[in-house]
Amino acid sequence: MKYTDIDFNNKNILITGAAGFIGSNLCFYFQENYPEANIVALDCFRSGETFSNGNLKSFGHFKNLLGFKGVVISGNINDKELLKELESSYTFDYIFHQAAISDTTVLEQDLMVKTNVNAYEDLLKIAIKHKANMIYASSGATYGDSDRFEVGFEQPNNAYGFSKVMMDNITYKYLKDGVDISIVGLKYFNVYGPREFFKNKTASMVVQFGHQILKGNTPKLFEGSDKILRDFIYIEDVIQANIKACFPKKSGVYNVGTGKARSFEDIVNILQKELEVDNGKQYIPNPYIGAYQFFTQANIETTKENLEYEPRFSMEDGIKAYIPEIKRLFETEVKK
């Protein structure tokens, strides 16, 4: 589905983090709707290297780009020579910057800031030089301990959330100084959908619960899960927001969620209904009390106003659309 009247055919589009979850979905959105678009897919593909927490340094996976026909570049956005090459070899019309260290448990603060903050400003300078509109991934994690989920009330409680606040601050500085491009930061809330599987433990609980159920296991929920609420958003609505951010009414930073909080209990109930499997539920103590968000809900009024964004998928609709992919992954990746 096309979300805008903009014709992206023959436009030069850079997508960073292109072998990741949201980046790969953007690649295929353009390929399917604008076959003459020139897409450059940049990703730091996984190598087996890990952080001190044991998690992979990159979740980029070639399987997310199977069928992609554009240019693929393996590279790290911290590589100044790579950025110079991109600046001199292309003239981009749009840059979708999804690349980041997105693991909220990473302890290497120096690398987090270098990758998420400093590299963003380097890319933004290229965007300004090329007169390319910039759309980048901020995060709902910027709100952290806040009880008000609207821009200006951020209280990050980890290095990842902090890094995204710093990215937003860079955006505000450049907009205040005046630029000839639009810059839009999108604060994603809890995204789920196809091409997230290779995020491993950081993939959504939708796919994780789905595979638990298909294995015949009883889904494990924290006690009181019916009262642990999150703003879960289906990937198609995230793509919609990115596309509509190409020509915003006003540059800035916007929440991308549904505006409706739902429980983890709801996820399990919908999955068991759609999969036609009832394995019951098992409740376990929550070990993260005191360091755990019990509620997130995006205020999307300014997103609706300035991006003309309107979420299309309820949780029921999103999970139903996702079920065939959850089943396919179970057969091809989980059961192996």
C-alpha atoms as a PDB file:
ATOM      1  CA  MET A   1       0.000   0.000   0.000  1.00  0.00           C
ATOM      2  CA  LYS A   2       1.306   3.452  -0.923  1.00  0.00           C
ATOM      3  CA  TYR A   3       1.141   5.920   1.977  1.00  0.00           C
ATOM      4  CA  THR A   4       1.879   9.114   0.060  1.00  0.00           C
ATOM      5  CA  ASP A   5       1.527  10.769  -3.344  1.00  0.00           C
ATOM      6  CA  ILE A   6       5.318  11.223  -3.545  1.00  0.00           C
ATOM      7  CA  ASP A   7       6.821   9.364  -6.508  1.00  0.00           C
ATOM      8  CA  PHE A   8      10.004   7.718  -5.249  1.00  0.00           C
ATOM      9  CA  ASN A   9      10.851   6.196  -8.640  1.00  0.00           C
ATOM     10  CA  ASN A  10      14.306   7.312  -9.815  1.00  0.00           C
ATOM     11  CA  LYS A  11      15.034   8.795  -6.388  1.00  0.00           C
ATOM     12  CA  ASN A  12      18.222   7.865  -4.530  1.00  0.00           C
ATOM     13  CA  ILE A  13      17.400   6.448  -1.118  1.00  0.00           C
ATOM     14  CA  LEU A  14      19.854   5.456   1.616  1.00  0.00           C
ATOM     15  CA  ILE A  15      18.578   3.061   4.270  1.00  0.00           C
ATOM     16  CA  THR A  16      20.945   2.363   7.171  1.00  0.00           C
ATOM     17  CA  GLY A  17      20.378  -0.686   9.361  1.00  0.00           C
ATOM     18  CA  ALA A  18      18.885  -2.161   6.209  1.00  0.00           C
ATOM     19  CA  ALA A  19      19.348  -5.814   7.195  1.00  0.00           C
ATOM     20  CA  GLY A  20      17.594  -5.198  10.499  1.00  0.00           C
ATOM     21  CA  PHE A  21      13.899  -5.272  11.342  1.00  0.00           C
ATOM     22  CA  ILE A  22      12.575  -1.870  10.291  1.00  0.00           C
ATOM     23  CA  GLY A  23      15.273  -1.144   7.715  1.00  0.00           C
ATOM     24  CA  SER A  24      14.581  -4.312   5.728  1.00  0.00           C
ATOM     25  CA  ASN A  25      10.838  -3.616   5.727  1.00  0.00           C
ATOM     26  CA  LEU A  26      11.573  -0.172   4.317  1.00  0.00           C
ATOM     27  CA  CYS A  27      13.752  -1.706   1.579  1.00  0.00           C
ATOM     28  CA  PHE A  28      10.901  -3.921   0.424  1.00  0.00           C
ATOM     29  CA  TYR A  29       8.311  -1.158   0.716  1.00  0.00           C
ATOM     30  CA  PHE A  30      10.219   0.876  -1.856  1.00  0.00           C
ATOM     31  CA  GLN A  31      11.105  -2.102  -4.041  1.00  0.00           C
ATOM     32  CA  GLU A  32       7.493  -3.277  -4.225  1.00  0.00           C
ATOM     33  CA  ASN A  33       5.844   0.125  -4.684  1.00  0.00           C
ATOM     34  CA  TYR A  34       8.548   2.046  -6.598  1.00  0.00           C
ATOM     35  CA  PRO A  35      10.531  -0.457  -8.702  1.00  0.00           C
ATOM     36  CA  GLU A  36      12.602   2.318 -10.293  1.00  0.00           C
ATOM     37  CA  ALA A  37      13.776   3.709  -6.948  1.00  0.00           C
ATOM     38  CA  ASN A  38      17.535   3.456  -6.397  1.00  0.00           C
ATOM     39  CA  ILE A  39      17.931   1.937  -2.950  1.00  0.00           C
ATOM     40  CA  VAL A  40      21.259   1.693  -1.142  1.00  0.00           C
ATOM     41  CA  ALA A  41      20.996  -0.733   1.772  1.00  0.00           C
ATOM     42  CA  LEU A  42      23.757  -0.209   4.349  1.00  0.00           C
ATOM     43  CA  ASP A  43      24.189  -2.549   7.289  1.00  0.00           C
ATOM     44  CA  CYS A  44      26.854  -3.765   9.684  1.00  0.00           C
ATOM     45  CA  PHE A  45      25.957  -7.422   9.173  1.00  0.00           C
ATOM     46  CA  ARG A  46      26.397  -9.749  12.140  1.00  0.00           C
ATOM     47  CA  SER A  47      29.803 -11.300  12.548  1.00  0.00           C
ATOM     48  CA  GLY A  48      29.495 -13.254  15.772  1.00  0.00           C
ATOM     49  CA  GLU A  49      31.077 -10.427  17.764  1.00  0.00           C
ATOM     50  CA  THR A  50      29.332  -9.781  21.070  1.00  0.00           C
ATOM     51  CA  PHE A  51      29.069  -7.073  23.706  1.00  0.00           C
ATOM     52  CA  SER A  52      30.090  -7.713  27.306  1.00  0.00           C
ATOM     53  CA  ASN A  53      26.477  -8.765  28.012  1.00  0.00           C
ATOM     54  CA  GLY A  54      26.908 -11.670  25.589  1.00  0.00           C
ATOM     55  CA  ASN A  55      24.471 -10.301  22.982  1.00  0.00           C
ATOM     56  CA  LEU A  56      25.424  -9.834  19.329  1.00  0.00           C
ATOM     57  CA  LYS A  57      26.890  -6.496  18.267  1.00  0.00           C
ATOM     58  CA  SER A  58      24.753  -6.544  15.124  1.00  0.00           C
ATOM     59  CA  PHE A  59      21.362  -8.108  14.472  1.00  0.00           C
ATOM     60  CA  GLY A  60      21.627  -7.494  10.708  1.00  0.00           C
ATOM     61  CA  HIS A  61      20.866 -10.751   8.879  1.00  0.00           C
ATOM     62  CA  PHE A  62      21.042 -11.543   5.170  1.00  0.00           C
ATOM     63  CA  LYS A  63      17.763 -13.483   5.351  1.00  0.00           C
ATOM     64  CA  ASN A  64      15.910 -10.210   6.004  1.00  0.00           C
ATOM     65  CA  LEU A  65      17.015  -9.050   2.537  1.00  0.00           C
ATOM     66  CA  LEU A  66      16.369 -12.217   0.530  1.00  0.00           C
ATOM     67  CA  GLY A  67      14.747 -11.039  -2.712  1.00  0.00           C
ATOM     68  CA  PHE A  68      16.084  -7.499  -2.446  1.00  0.00           C
ATOM     69  CA  LYS A  69      17.385  -6.127  -5.774  1.00  0.00           C
ATOM     70  CA  GLY A  70      19.096  -2.889  -4.731  1.00  0.00           C
ATOM     71  CA  VAL A  71      22.676  -2.104  -3.730  1.00  0.00           C
ATOM     72  CA  VAL A  72      23.861  -3.763  -0.505  1.00  0.00           C
ATOM     73  CA  ILE A  73      26.850  -2.364   1.399  1.00  0.00           C
ATOM     74  CA  SER A  74      28.331  -4.012   4.466  1.00  0.00           C
ATOM     75  CA  GLY A  75      29.793  -1.293   6.630  1.00  0.00           C
ATOM     76  CA  ASN A  76      29.807   0.387  10.012  1.00  0.00           C
ATOM     77  CA  ILE A  77      28.342   3.880  10.354  1.00  0.00           C
ATOM     78  CA  ASN A  78      31.285   4.756  12.620  1.00  0.00           C
ATOM     79  CA  ASP A  79      33.632   4.312   9.637  1.00  0.00           C
ATOM     80  CA  LYS A  80      34.548   7.829   8.490  1.00  0.00           C
ATOM     81  CA  GLU A  81      36.004   6.558   5.206  1.00  0.00           C
ATOM     82  CA  LEU A  82      32.746   4.769   4.413  1.00  0.00           C
ATOM     83  CA  LEU A  83      30.776   7.942   5.083  1.00  0.00           C
ATOM     84  CA  LYS A  84      33.100   9.928   2.799  1.00  0.00           C
ATOM     85  CA  GLU A  85      32.546   7.324   0.070  1.00  0.00           C
ATOM     86  CA  LEU A  86      28.760   7.567   0.460  1.00  0.00           C
ATOM     87  CA  GLU A  87      28.978  11.360   0.344  1.00  0.00           C
ATOM     88  CA  SER A  88      31.088  11.453  -2.829  1.00  0.00           C
ATOM     89  CA  SER A  89      29.636   8.502  -4.766  1.00  0.00           C
ATOM     90  CA  TYR A  90      25.933   9.291  -4.382  1.00  0.00           C
ATOM     91  CA  THR A  91      23.540  12.176  -4.198  1.00  0.00           C
ATOM     92  CA  PHE A  92      20.733  11.027  -1.959  1.00  0.00           C
ATOM     93  CA  ASP A  93      17.201  12.391  -1.993  1.00  0.00           C
ATOM     94  CA  TYR A  94      16.136  10.653   1.226  1.00  0.00           C
ATOM     95  CA  ILE A  95      18.024   9.080   4.113  1.00  0.00           C
ATOM     96  CA  PHE A  96      16.247   6.643   6.420  1.00  0.00           C
ATOM     97  CA  HIS A  97      18.591   6.169   9.355  1.00  0.00           C
ATOM     98  CA  GLN A  98      17.607   3.035  11.267  1.00  0.00           C
ATOM     99  CA  ALA A  99      21.096   1.790  12.196  1.00  0.00           C
ATOM    100  CA  ALA A 100      21.847   1.855  15.917  1.00  0.00           C
ATOM    101  CA  ILE A 101      22.897  -0.173  18.891  1.00  0.00           C
ATOM    102  CA  SER A 102      19.330  -0.916  19.976  1.00  0.00           C
ATOM    103  CA  ASP A 103      20.010  -3.378  22.788  1.00  0.00           C
ATOM    104  CA  THR A 104      18.943  -1.542  25.955  1.00  0.00           C
ATOM    105  CA  THR A 105      21.131  -3.781  28.158  1.00  0.00           C
ATOM    106  CA  VAL A 106      24.440  -2.871  26.474  1.00  0.00           C
ATOM    107  CA  LEU A 107      26.948  -1.569  29.044  1.00  0.00           C
ATOM    108  CA  GLU A 108      29.507  -0.060  26.606  1.00  0.00           C
ATOM    109  CA  GLN A 109      28.358   3.563  26.935  1.00  0.00           C
ATOM    110  CA  ASP A 110      31.254   4.889  24.860  1.00  0.00           C
ATOM    111  CA  LEU A 111      30.364   2.782  21.829  1.00  0.00           C
ATOM    112  CA  MET A 112      26.635   3.465  22.332  1.00  0.00           C
ATOM    113  CA  VAL A 113      27.178   7.237  22.139  1.00  0.00           C
ATOM    114  CA  LYS A 114      29.668   7.010  19.270  1.00  0.00           C
ATOM    115  CA  THR A 115      27.350   4.785  17.200  1.00  0.00           C
ATOM    116  CA  ASN A 116      23.972   6.313  17.992  1.00  0.00           C
ATOM    117  CA  VAL A 117      24.810   9.976  18.547  1.00  0.00           C
ATOM    118  CA  ASN A 118      28.028  10.943  16.761  1.00  0.00           C
ATOM    119  CA  ALA A 119      27.408   8.855  13.632  1.00  0.00           C
ATOM    120  CA  TYR A 120      23.915  10.346  13.350  1.00  0.00           C
ATOM    121  CA  GLU A 121      25.350  13.849  13.180  1.00  0.00           C
ATOM    122  CA  ASP A 122      27.864  12.704  10.544  1.00  0.00           C
ATOM    123  CA  LEU A 123      24.993  11.320   8.440  1.00  0.00           C
ATOM    124  CA  LEU A 124      22.923  14.440   9.011  1.00  0.00           C
ATOM    125  CA  LYS A 125      25.746  16.549   7.566  1.00  0.00           C
ATOM    126  CA  ILE A 126      25.697  14.352   4.447  1.00  0.00           C
ATOM    127  CA  ALA A 127      21.912  14.774   4.229  1.00  0.00           C
ATOM    128  CA  ILE A 128      22.248  18.554   4.408  1.00  0.00           C
ATOM    129  CA  LYS A 129      24.994  18.577   1.765  1.00  0.00           C
ATOM    130  CA  HIS A 130      22.901  16.355  -0.561  1.00  0.00           C
ATOM    131  CA  LYS A 131      19.668  18.223   0.283  1.00  0.00           C
ATOM    132  CA  ALA A 132      18.228  14.859   1.314  1.00  0.00           C
ATOM    133  CA  ASN A 133      15.294  14.766   3.721  1.00  0.00           C
ATOM    134  CA  MET A 134      16.332  12.879   6.873  1.00  0.00           C
ATOM    135  CA  ILE A 135      14.092  10.415   8.698  1.00  0.00           C
ATOM    136  CA  TYR A 136      15.670   8.656  11.677  1.00  0.00           C
ATOM    137  CA  ALA A 137      14.788   6.219  14.434  1.00  0.00           C
ATOM    138  CA  SER A 138      14.425   7.722  17.863  1.00  0.00           C
ATOM    139  CA  SER A 139      12.741   5.580  20.534  1.00  0.00           C
ATOM    140  CA  GLY A 140       9.996   5.316  23.111  1.00  0.00           C
ATOM    141  CA  ALA A 141      12.832   4.231  25.427  1.00  0.00           C
ATOM    142  CA  THR A 142      13.648   7.939  25.780  1.00  0.00           C
ATOM    143  CA  TYR A 143      10.716   8.208  28.206  1.00  0.00           C
ATOM    144  CA  GLY A 144      12.156   5.687  30.657  1.00  0.00           C
ATOM    145  CA  ASP A 145      10.767   6.569  34.075  1.00  0.00           C
ATOM    146  CA  SER A 146       8.457   9.291  32.788  1.00  0.00           C
ATOM    147  CA  ASP A 147       4.717   8.947  33.328  1.00  0.00           C
ATOM    148  CA  ARG A 148       3.960  11.305  30.434  1.00  0.00           C
ATOM    149  CA  PHE A 149       4.646   9.879  26.985  1.00  0.00           C
ATOM    150  CA  GLU A 150       4.915  13.004  24.912  1.00  0.00           C
ATOM    151  CA  VAL A 151       7.880  14.835  23.446  1.00  0.00           C
ATOM    152  CA  GLY A 152       9.535  17.051  26.051  1.00  0.00           C
ATOM    153  CA  PHE A 153       8.951  14.696  28.981  1.00  0.00           C
ATOM    154  CA  GLU A 154      11.811  12.239  28.420  1.00  0.00           C
ATOM    155  CA  GLN A 155      13.480  10.573  31.422  1.00  0.00           C
ATOM    156  CA  PRO A 156      15.778   7.881  29.997  1.00  0.00           C
ATOM    157  CA  ASN A 157      16.960   5.221  32.441  1.00  0.00           C
ATOM    158  CA  ASN A 158      19.607   3.497  30.305  1.00  0.00           C
ATOM    159  CA  ALA A 159      22.407   4.446  27.925  1.00  0.00           C
ATOM    160  CA  TYR A 160      20.298   3.563  24.890  1.00  0.00           C
ATOM    161  CA  GLY A 161      17.461   5.904  25.872  1.00  0.00           C
ATOM    162  CA  PHE A 162      20.026   8.613  26.688  1.00  0.00           C
ATOM    163  CA  SER A 163      21.656   8.230  23.259  1.00  0.00           C
ATOM    164  CA  LYS A 164      18.327   8.699  21.507  1.00  0.00           C
ATOM    165  CA  VAL A 165      17.585  11.845  23.537  1.00  0.00           C
ATOM    166  CA  MET A 166      20.989  13.186  22.421  1.00  0.00           C
ATOM    167  CA  MET A 167      20.072  12.424  18.781  1.00  0.00           C
ATOM    168  CA  ASP A 168      16.849  14.379  19.215  1.00  0.00           C
ATOM    169  CA  ASN A 169      18.819  17.277  20.751  1.00  0.00           C
ATOM    170  CA  ILE A 170      21.073  17.356  17.673  1.00  0.00           C
ATOM    171  CA  THR A 171      17.944  17.529  15.516  1.00  0.00           C
ATOM    172  CA  TYR A 172      16.571  20.477  17.493  1.00  0.00           C
ATOM    173  CA  LYS A 173      19.897  22.305  17.212  1.00  0.00           C
ATOM    174  CA  TYR A 174      20.084  21.938  13.427  1.00  0.00           C
ATOM    175  CA  LEU A 175      16.446  22.910  12.968  1.00  0.00           C
ATOM    176  CA  LYS A 176      16.942  25.972  15.157  1.00  0.00           C
ATOM    177  CA  ASP A 177      20.022  26.984  13.145  1.00  0.00           C
ATOM    178  CA  GLY A 178      18.043  26.528   9.908  1.00  0.00           C
ATOM    179  CA  VAL A 179      18.467  23.845   7.246  1.00  0.00           C
ATOM    180  CA  ASP A 180      17.145  23.348   3.715  1.00  0.00           C
ATOM    181  CA  ILE A 181      15.876  19.828   4.418  1.00  0.00           C
ATOM    182  CA  SER A 182      13.224  18.308   6.623  1.00  0.00           C
ATOM    183  CA  ILE A 183      14.406  16.297   9.616  1.00  0.00           C
ATOM    184  CA  VAL A 184      12.022  13.931  11.395  1.00  0.00           C
ATOM    185  CA  GLY A 185      12.807  11.717  14.368  1.00  0.00           C
ATOM    186  CA  LEU A 186      10.374   8.885  15.060  1.00  0.00           C
ATOM    187  CA  LYS A 187      10.036   7.572  18.599  1.00  0.00           C
ATOM    188  CA  TYR A 188       9.001   3.971  18.015  1.00  0.00           C
ATOM    189  CA  PHE A 189       7.152   2.251  20.815  1.00  0.00           C
ATOM    190  CA  ASN A 190       6.899  -1.592  20.989  1.00  0.00           C
ATOM    191  CA  VAL A 191       7.158  -2.676  17.345  1.00  0.00           C
ATOM    192  CA  TYR A 192       6.323  -6.223  16.212  1.00  0.00           C
ATOM    193  CA  GLY A 193       5.958  -7.944  12.860  1.00  0.00           C
ATOM    194  CA  PRO A 194       7.777  -9.733  10.013  1.00  0.00           C
ATOM    195  CA  ARG A 195      11.602  -9.558   9.837  1.00  0.00           C
ATOM    196  CA  GLU A 196      12.124  -9.093  13.584  1.00  0.00           C
ATOM    197  CA  PHE A 197      12.972 -12.752  14.295  1.00  0.00           C
ATOM    198  CA  PHE A 198      16.730 -12.332  13.955  1.00  0.00           C
ATOM    199  CA  LYS A 199      16.761  -9.808  16.803  1.00  0.00           C
ATOM    200  CA  ASN A 200      16.916 -12.942  18.954  1.00  0.00           C
ATOM    201  CA  LYS A 201      16.073 -12.211  22.606  1.00  0.00           C
ATOM    202  CA  THR A 202      15.205  -8.593  21.790  1.00  0.00           C
ATOM    203  CA  ALA A 203      12.468  -9.608  19.324  1.00  0.00           C
ATOM    204  CA  SER A 204       8.932  -8.791  20.454  1.00  0.00           C
ATOM    205  CA  MET A 205       7.020 -10.994  22.867  1.00  0.00           C
ATOM    206  CA  VAL A 206       4.472 -11.490  20.072  1.00  0.00           C
ATOM    207  CA  VAL A 207       6.820 -13.735  18.098  1.00  0.00           C
ATOM    208  CA  GLN A 208       8.387 -15.232  21.239  1.00  0.00           C
ATOM    209  CA  PHE A 209       5.016 -16.184  22.742  1.00  0.00           C
ATOM    210  CA  GLY A 210       3.857 -17.409  19.323  1.00  0.00           C
ATOM    211  CA  HIS A 211       6.738 -19.860  19.115  1.00  0.00           C
ATOM    212  CA  GLN A 212       6.304 -20.970  22.728  1.00  0.00           C
ATOM    213  CA  ILE A 213       2.690 -21.828  21.935  1.00  0.00           C
ATOM    214  CA  LEU A 214       3.575 -23.657  18.698  1.00  0.00           C
ATOM    215  CA  LYS A 215       6.146 -25.728  20.607  1.00  0.00           C
ATOM    216  CA  GLY A 216       3.334 -26.904  22.858  1.00  0.00           C
ATOM    217  CA  ASN A 217       4.666 -24.956  25.828  1.00  0.00           C
ATOM    218  CA  THR A 218       2.560 -22.970  28.273  1.00  0.00           C
ATOM    219  CA  PRO A 219       3.311 -19.242  27.818  1.00  0.00           C
ATOM    220  CA  LYS A 220       5.006 -17.766  30.879  1.00  0.00           C
ATOM    221  CA  LEU A 221       3.683 -14.397  31.992  1.00  0.00           C
ATOM    222  CA  PHE A 222       4.697 -12.212  34.896  1.00  0.00           C
ATOM    223  CA  GLU A 223       2.194 -12.096  37.728  1.00  0.00           C
ATOM    224  CA  GLY A 224      -0.218  -9.234  37.125  1.00  0.00           C
ATOM    225  CA  SER A 225       0.414  -9.271  33.368  1.00  0.00           C
ATOM    226  CA  ASP A 226      -3.128  -8.112  32.703  1.00  0.00           C
ATOM    227  CA  LYS A 227      -2.055  -4.826  34.310  1.00  0.00           C
ATOM    228  CA  ILE A 228       1.332  -4.521  32.538  1.00  0.00           C
ATOM    229  CA  LEU A 229       0.414  -2.364  29.556  1.00  0.00           C
ATOM    230  CA  ARG A 230       2.447  -1.306  26.525  1.00  0.00           C
ATOM    231  CA  ASP A 231       1.773   0.522  23.285  1.00  0.00           C
ATOM    232  CA  PHE A 232       2.370  -2.305  20.779  1.00  0.00           C
ATOM    233  CA  ILE A 233       2.556  -1.211  17.142  1.00  0.00           C
ATOM    234  CA  TYR A 234       2.544  -3.369  14.014  1.00  0.00           C
ATOM    235  CA  ILE A 235       5.414  -2.873  11.573  1.00  0.00           C
ATOM    236  CA  GLU A 236       3.146  -1.667   8.749  1.00  0.00           C
ATOM    237  CA  ASP A 237       2.152   1.376  10.796  1.00  0.00           C
ATOM    238  CA  VAL A 238       5.825   2.113  11.487  1.00  0.00           C
ATOM    239  CA  ILE A 239       6.495   2.009   7.735  1.00  0.00           C
ATOM    240  CA  GLN A 240       3.536   4.320   7.186  1.00  0.00           C
ATOM    241  CA  ALA A 241       5.028   6.827   9.651  1.00  0.00           C
ATOM    242  CA  ASN A 242       8.440   6.703   7.946  1.00  0.00           C
ATOM    243  CA  ILE A 243       6.966   7.336   4.510  1.00  0.00           C
ATOM    244  CA  LYS A 244       4.745  10.179   5.701  1.00  0.00           C
ATOM    245  CA  ALA A 245       7.772  11.697   7.444  1.00  0.00           C
ATOM    246  CA  CYS A 246       9.398  12.305   4.045  1.00  0.00           C
ATOM    247  CA  PHE A 247       7.436  15.550   3.624  1.00  0.00           C
ATOM    248  CA  PRO A 248       6.171  16.562   7.050  1.00  0.00           C
ATOM    249  CA  LYS A 249       4.076  19.638   7.662  1.00  0.00           C
ATOM    250  CA  LYS A 250       6.696  20.445  10.280  1.00  0.00           C
ATOM    251  CA  SER A 251      10.114  18.973  11.043  1.00  0.00           C
ATOM    252  CA  GLY A 252      10.584  17.608  14.541  1.00  0.00           C
ATOM    253  CA  VAL A 253      10.396  14.536  16.747  1.00  0.00           C
ATOM    254  CA  TYR A 254       7.222  12.463  16.893  1.00  0.00           C
ATOM    255  CA  ASN A 255       5.847   9.451  18.729  1.00  0.00           C
ATOM    256  CA  VAL A 256       4.994   6.389  16.647  1.00  0.00           C
ATOM    257  CA  GLY A 257       2.570   4.120  18.459  1.00  0.00           C
ATOM    258  CA  THR A 258      -1.122   3.317  18.379  1.00  0.00           C
ATOM    259  CA  GLY A 259      -2.050   5.589  21.266  1.00  0.00           C
ATOM    260  CA  LYS A 260      -3.650   2.588  22.986  1.00  0.00           C
ATOM    261  CA  ALA A 261      -1.930   0.528  25.680  1.00  0.00           C
ATOM    262  CA  ARG A 262      -2.549  -3.223  25.703  1.00  0.00           C
ATOM    263  CA  SER A 263      -1.452  -5.987  28.052  1.00  0.00           C
ATOM    264  CA  PHE A 264       0.898  -8.940  27.610  1.00  0.00           C
ATOM    265  CA  GLU A 265      -2.107 -11.025  28.625  1.00  0.00           C
ATOM    266  CA  ASP A 266      -3.918  -9.706  25.534  1.00  0.00           C
ATOM    267  CA  ILE A 267      -1.032 -10.872  23.311  1.00  0.00           C
ATOM    268  CA  VAL A 268      -1.255 -14.447  24.579  1.00  0.00           C
ATOM    269  CA  ASN A 269      -5.055 -14.516  24.337  1.00  0.00           C
ATOM    270  CA  ILE A 270      -5.050 -13.260  20.731  1.00  0.00           C
ATOM    271  CA  LEU A 271      -2.224 -15.622  19.690  1.00  0.00           C
ATOM    272  CA  GLN A 272      -3.911 -18.699  21.165  1.00  0.00           C
ATOM    273  CA  LYS A 273      -7.168 -17.738  19.462  1.00  0.00           C
ATOM    274  CA  GLU A 274      -5.519 -17.162  16.057  1.00  0.00           C
ATOM    275  CA  LEU A 275      -3.285 -20.259  16.309  1.00  0.00           C
ATOM    276  CA  GLU A 276      -6.251 -22.293  17.539  1.00  0.00           C
ATOM    277  CA  VAL A 277      -4.132 -23.646  20.377  1.00  0.00           C
ATOM    278  CA  ASP A 278      -4.884 -23.230  24.074  1.00  0.00           C
ATOM    279  CA  ASN A 279      -1.928 -24.185  26.247  1.00  0.00           C
ATOM    280  CA  GLY A 280      -3.198 -22.162  29.180  1.00  0.00           C
ATOM    281  CA  LYS A 281      -0.907 -19.665  30.950  1.00  0.00           C
ATOM    282  CA  GLN A 282       1.725 -19.909  33.646  1.00  0.00           C
ATOM    283  CA  TYR A 283       2.347 -16.957  35.965  1.00  0.00           C
ATOM    284  CA  ILE A 284       5.807 -16.313  37.403  1.00  0.00           C
ATOM    285  CA  PRO A 285       7.145 -13.627  39.768  1.00  0.00           C
ATOM    286  CA  ASN A 286       8.413 -10.476  38.078  1.00  0.00           C
ATOM    287  CA  PRO A 287      12.127 -10.162  38.968  1.00  0.00           C
ATOM    288  CA  TYR A 288      12.349  -6.642  37.537  1.00  0.00           C
ATOM    289  CA  ILE A 289       9.986  -4.801  39.885  1.00  0.00           C
ATOM    290  CA  GLY A 290      11.550  -1.421  40.619  1.00  0.00           C
ATOM    291  CA  ALA A 291      13.318  -1.331  37.251  1.00  0.00           C
ATOM    292  CA  TYR A 292      10.394  -2.112  34.993  1.00  0.00           C
ATOM    293  CA  GLN A 293       7.891  -0.018  33.070  1.00  0.00           C
ATOM    294  CA  PHE A 294       4.357  -1.090  33.866  1.00  0.00           C
ATOM    295  CA  PHE A 295       2.758   1.311  31.409  1.00  0.00           C
ATOM    296  CA  THR A 296       3.608   3.002  28.102  1.00  0.00           C
ATOM    297  CA  GLN A 297       1.172   4.742  25.776  1.00  0.00           C
ATOM    298  CA  ALA A 298       2.245   7.105  23.022  1.00  0.00           C
ATOM    299  CA  ASN A 299       0.625  10.495  22.728  1.00  0.00           C
ATOM    300  CA  ILE A 300       0.308  10.660  18.928  1.00  0.00           C
ATOM    301  CA  GLU A 301      -1.663  13.885  18.509  1.00  0.00           C
ATOM    302  CA  THR A 302       1.232  15.870  16.993  1.00  0.00           C
ATOM    303  CA  THR A 303       2.137  12.851  14.811  1.00  0.00           C
ATOM    304  CA  LYS A 304      -1.381  12.813  13.411  1.00  0.00           C
ATOM    305  CA  GLU A 305      -1.325  16.560  12.877  1.00  0.00           C
ATOM    306  CA  ASN A 306       2.115  17.063  11.317  1.00  0.00           C
ATOM    307  CA  LEU A 307       2.694  13.714   9.569  1.00  0.00           C
ATOM    308  CA  GLU A 308      -0.968  12.934   8.794  1.00  0.00           C
ATOM    309  CA  TYR A 309      -0.280   9.582  10.421  1.00  0.00           C
ATOM    310  CA  GLU A 310      -3.175   7.381  11.481  1.00  0.00           C
ATOM    311  CA  PRO A 311      -2.526   3.884  12.911  1.00  0.00           C
ATOM    312  CA  ARG A 312      -4.383   1.261  10.886  1.00  0.00           C
ATOM    313  CA  PHE A 313      -3.702  -1.919  12.866  1.00  0.00           C
ATOM    314  CA  SER A 314      -5.215  -2.790  16.225  1.00  0.00           C
ATOM    315  CA  MET A 315      -3.354  -5.491  18.140  1.00  0.00           C
ATOM    316  CA  GLU A 316      -5.944  -8.009  16.913  1.00  0.00           C
ATOM    317  CA  ASP A 317      -5.388  -6.931  13.285  1.00  0.00           C
ATOM    318  CA  GLY A 318      -1.609  -6.864  13.591  1.00  0.00           C
ATOM    319  CA  ILE A 319      -1.245 -10.282  15.181  1.00  0.00           C
ATOM    320  CA  LYS A 320      -3.698 -11.801  12.688  1.00  0.00           C
ATOM    321  CA  ALA A 321      -1.628 -10.387   9.800  1.00  0.00           C
ATOM    322  CA  TYR A 322       1.564 -11.703  11.435  1.00  0.00           C
ATOM    323  CA  ILE A 323       0.363 -15.287  12.077  1.00  0.00           C
ATOM    324  CA  PRO A 324       1.423 -16.778   8.681  1.00  0.00           C
ATOM    325  CA  GLU A 325       4.970 -15.454   9.188  1.00  0.00           C
ATOM    326  CA  ILE A 326       5.110 -16.697  12.787  1.00  0.00           C
ATOM    327  CA  LYS A 327       4.148 -20.166  11.510  1.00  0.00           C
ATOM    328  CA  ARG A 328       6.652 -20.024   8.631  1.00  0.00           C
ATOM    329  CA  LEU A 329       9.487 -19.045  10.967  1.00  0.00           C
ATOM    330  CA  PHE A 330       8.559 -21.824  13.334  1.00  0.00           C
ATOM    331  CA  GLU A 331       8.870 -24.386  10.534  1.00  0.00           C
ATOM    332  CA  THR A 332      12.031 -22.978   8.921  1.00  0.00           C
ATOM    333  CA  GLU A 333      14.003 -21.501  11.830  1.00  0.00           C
ATOM    334  CA  VAL A 334      12.730 -22.782  15.180  1.00  0.00           C
ATOM    335  CA  LYS A 335      12.127 -26.494  14.548  1.00  0.00           C
ATOM    336  CA  LYS A 336      15.473 -26.988  12.762  1.00  0.00           C
END
